[in-house]
C-alpha atoms as a PDB file:
ATOM      1  CA  UNK A   1       0.000   0.000   0.000  1.00  0.00           C
ATOM      2  CA  UNK A   2       1.236   3.466  -0.869  1.00  0.00           C
ATOM      3  CA  UNK A   3       1.000   6.195   1.760  1.00  0.00           C
ATOM      4  CA  UNK A   4      -0.771   9.384   0.843  1.00  0.00           C
ATOM      5  CA  UNK A   5       1.605  11.380  -1.328  1.00  0.00           C
ATOM      6  CA  UNK A   6       1.591  15.132  -1.840  1.00  0.00           C
ATOM      7  CA  UNK A   7       2.698  16.621  -5.146  1.00  0.00           C
ATOM      8  CA  UNK A   8       2.803  20.385  -5.793  1.00  0.00           C
ATOM      9  CA  UNK A   9       3.210  21.435  -9.395  1.00  0.00           C
ATOM     10  CA  UNK A  10       1.620  23.910  -9.869  1.00  0.00           C
ATOM     11  CA  UNK A  11      -1.422  22.769  -7.872  1.00  0.00           C
ATOM     12  CA  UNK A  12      -1.433  20.799  -4.648  1.00  0.00           C
ATOM     13  CA  UNK A  13      -2.371  17.219  -5.607  1.00  0.00           C
ATOM     14  CA  UNK A  14      -2.723  14.439  -3.058  1.00  0.00           C
ATOM     15  CA  UNK A  15      -3.252  10.785  -3.818  1.00  0.00           C
ATOM     16  CA  UNK A  16      -2.857   7.372  -2.211  1.00  0.00           C
ATOM     17  CA  UNK A  17      -4.176   5.620   0.879  1.00  0.00           C
ATOM     18  CA  UNK A  18      -5.578   7.958   3.490  1.00  0.00           C
ATOM     19  CA  UNK A  19      -5.952  10.904   1.137  1.00  0.00           C
ATOM     20  CA  UNK A  20      -9.717  11.172   1.577  1.00  0.00           C
ATOM     21  CA  UNK A  21      -9.354  11.467   5.344  1.00  0.00           C
ATOM     22  CA  UNK A  22      -7.261  14.644   4.835  1.00  0.00           C
ATOM     23  CA  UNK A  23      -9.952  16.550   2.936  1.00  0.00           C
ATOM     24  CA  UNK A  24     -11.585  18.212   5.923  1.00  0.00           C
ATOM     25  CA  UNK A  25      -8.319  19.351   7.467  1.00  0.00           C
ATOM     26  CA  UNK A  26      -7.152  20.654   4.095  1.00  0.00           C
ATOM     27  CA  UNK A  27     -10.233  22.896   3.945  1.00  0.00           C
ATOM     28  CA  UNK A  28      -9.388  24.191   7.403  1.00  0.00           C
ATOM     29  CA  UNK A  29      -5.768  24.806   6.329  1.00  0.00           C
ATOM     30  CA  UNK A  30      -6.953  26.801   3.310  1.00  0.00           C
ATOM     31  CA  UNK A  31      -9.710  28.636   5.241  1.00  0.00           C
ATOM     32  CA  UNK A  32     -12.389  27.120   2.996  1.00  0.00           C
ATOM     33  CA  UNK A  33     -15.765  27.108   4.706  1.00  0.00           C
ATOM     34  CA  UNK A  34     -18.264  26.410   1.919  1.00  0.00           C
ATOM     35  CA  UNK A  35     -16.816  24.399  -0.978  1.00  0.00           C
ATOM     36  CA  UNK A  36     -18.731  23.060  -3.965  1.00  0.00           C
ATOM     37  CA  UNK A  37     -17.944  19.373  -4.423  1.00  0.00           C
ATOM     38  CA  UNK A  38     -17.992  18.566  -8.157  1.00  0.00           C
ATOM     39  CA  UNK A  39     -18.317  14.949  -9.257  1.00  0.00           C
ATOM     40  CA  UNK A  40     -20.132  12.967 -11.913  1.00  0.00           C
ATOM     41  CA  UNK A  41     -23.486  11.158 -11.673  1.00  0.00           C
ATOM     42  CA  UNK A  42     -21.781   7.756 -11.599  1.00  0.00           C
ATOM     43  CA  UNK A  43     -19.710   8.596  -8.512  1.00  0.00           C
ATOM     44  CA  UNK A  44     -22.022  10.726  -6.380  1.00  0.00           C
ATOM     45  CA  UNK A  45     -23.678   7.770  -4.596  1.00  0.00           C
ATOM     46  CA  UNK A  46     -20.584   5.597  -4.116  1.00  0.00           C
ATOM     47  CA  UNK A  47     -19.179   4.933  -0.655  1.00  0.00           C
ATOM     48  CA  UNK A  48     -15.847   6.642  -1.295  1.00  0.00           C
ATOM     49  CA  UNK A  49     -17.634   9.801  -2.428  1.00  0.00           C
ATOM     50  CA  UNK A  50     -19.919   9.776   0.594  1.00  0.00           C
ATOM     51  CA  UNK A  51     -16.829   9.275   2.808  1.00  0.00           C
ATOM     52  CA  UNK A  52     -15.145  12.277   1.200  1.00  0.00           C
ATOM     53  CA  UNK A  53     -18.200  14.484   1.707  1.00  0.00           C
ATOM     54  CA  UNK A  54     -18.511  13.311   5.310  1.00  0.00           C
ATOM     55  CA  UNK A  55     -14.929  14.481   6.001  1.00  0.00           C
ATOM     56  CA  UNK A  56     -16.124  18.041   5.422  1.00  0.00           C
ATOM     57  CA  UNK A  57     -19.273  17.644   7.449  1.00  0.00           C
ATOM     58  CA  UNK A  58     -17.277  16.166  10.364  1.00  0.00           C
ATOM     59  CA  UNK A  59     -15.426  19.455  10.802  1.00  0.00           C
ATOM     60  CA  UNK A  60     -18.589  21.524  10.447  1.00  0.00           C
ATOM     61  CA  UNK A  61     -17.911  22.706   6.907  1.00  0.00           C
ATOM     62  CA  UNK A  62     -20.910  23.427   4.716  1.00  0.00           C
ATOM     63  CA  UNK A  63     -20.571  21.672   1.396  1.00  0.00           C
ATOM     64  CA  UNK A  64     -22.589  21.840  -1.793  1.00  0.00           C
ATOM     65  CA  UNK A  65     -22.682  18.993  -4.284  1.00  0.00           C
ATOM     66  CA  UNK A  66     -22.830  19.384  -8.060  1.00  0.00           C
ATOM     67  CA  UNK A  67     -23.069  16.078  -9.916  1.00  0.00           C
ATOM     68  CA  UNK A  68     -25.027  16.746 -13.102  1.00  0.00           C
ATOM     69  CA  UNK A  69     -21.912  16.850 -15.249  1.00  0.00           C
ATOM     70  CA  UNK A  70     -21.907  15.301 -18.691  1.00  0.00           C
ATOM     71  CA  UNK A  71     -18.964  13.182 -19.855  1.00  0.00           C
ATOM     72  CA  UNK A  72     -17.884  15.996 -22.149  1.00  0.00           C
ATOM     73  CA  UNK A  73     -19.205  19.124 -20.430  1.00  0.00           C
ATOM     74  CA  UNK A  74     -21.013  21.551 -22.694  1.00  0.00           C
ATOM     75  CA  UNK A  75     -20.976  25.307 -22.194  1.00  0.00           C
ATOM     76  CA  UNK A  76     -24.554  25.033 -20.849  1.00  0.00           C
ATOM     77  CA  UNK A  77     -23.365  22.407 -18.345  1.00  0.00           C
ATOM     78  CA  UNK A  78     -20.527  24.668 -17.214  1.00  0.00           C
ATOM     79  CA  UNK A  79     -22.825  27.682 -16.950  1.00  0.00           C
ATOM     80  CA  UNK A  80     -25.142  25.649 -14.734  1.00  0.00           C
ATOM     81  CA  UNK A  81     -22.193  24.775 -12.475  1.00  0.00           C
ATOM     82  CA  UNK A  82     -21.216  28.447 -12.225  1.00  0.00           C
ATOM     83  CA  UNK A  83     -24.818  29.298 -11.350  1.00  0.00           C
ATOM     84  CA  UNK A  84     -24.846  26.682  -8.561  1.00  0.00           C
ATOM     85  CA  UNK A  85     -21.492  27.988  -7.284  1.00  0.00           C
ATOM     86  CA  UNK A  86     -22.717  31.581  -7.165  1.00  0.00           C
ATOM     87  CA  UNK A  87     -26.146  30.800  -5.707  1.00  0.00           C
ATOM     88  CA  UNK A  88     -24.552  28.772  -2.917  1.00  0.00           C
ATOM     89  CA  UNK A  89     -21.962  31.454  -2.082  1.00  0.00           C
ATOM     90  CA  UNK A  90     -19.265  28.787  -2.361  1.00  0.00           C
ATOM     91  CA  UNK A  91     -15.661  29.750  -1.729  1.00  0.00           C
ATOM     92  CA  UNK A  92     -13.842  26.834  -3.385  1.00  0.00           C
ATOM     93  CA  UNK A  93     -14.286  24.027  -5.892  1.00  0.00           C
ATOM     94  CA  UNK A  94     -13.327  20.420  -5.217  1.00  0.00           C
ATOM     95  CA  UNK A  95     -13.119  18.085  -8.220  1.00  0.00           C
ATOM     96  CA  UNK A  96     -13.649  14.440  -7.320  1.00  0.00           C
ATOM     97  CA  UNK A  97     -13.342  11.585  -9.778  1.00  0.00           C
ATOM     98  CA  UNK A  98     -11.051   9.708 -12.048  1.00  0.00           C
ATOM     99  CA  UNK A  99     -12.582  10.862 -15.309  1.00  0.00           C
ATOM    100  CA  UNK A 100     -12.161  14.145 -17.059  1.00  0.00           C
ATOM    101  CA  UNK A 101     -15.666  15.546 -16.510  1.00  0.00           C
ATOM    102  CA  UNK A 102     -15.258  16.882 -12.934  1.00  0.00           C
ATOM    103  CA  UNK A 103     -11.731  18.111 -13.606  1.00  0.00           C
ATOM    104  CA  UNK A 104     -12.689  19.786 -16.872  1.00  0.00           C
ATOM    105  CA  UNK A 105     -15.709  21.435 -15.254  1.00  0.00           C
ATOM    106  CA  UNK A 106     -13.676  22.852 -12.371  1.00  0.00           C
ATOM    107  CA  UNK A 107     -10.858  24.088 -14.627  1.00  0.00           C
ATOM    108  CA  UNK A 108     -13.282  25.958 -16.847  1.00  0.00           C
END
């Protein structure tokens, strides 16, 4: 098993065993209090996703969830995500998933 590894170039990326358990404390470290968690419809109900979301709730962080992403996000899909972000007064985006949809959505 690989320990959780931290890689910074140019963005802080963490991966490996135990990484999910660090999510809540990372929000505290970055002074994030209301992130929008972006994932795809296939992942939103899985145990690992629920565990990740619970890490935020355990430290009292509000968290919004946006999971209506298409495999290849359209401009309408991205605009909807921006609308959700603004309506929820979110202060950060968290992309969660192995596919490109959440990562592409958050980058745009």
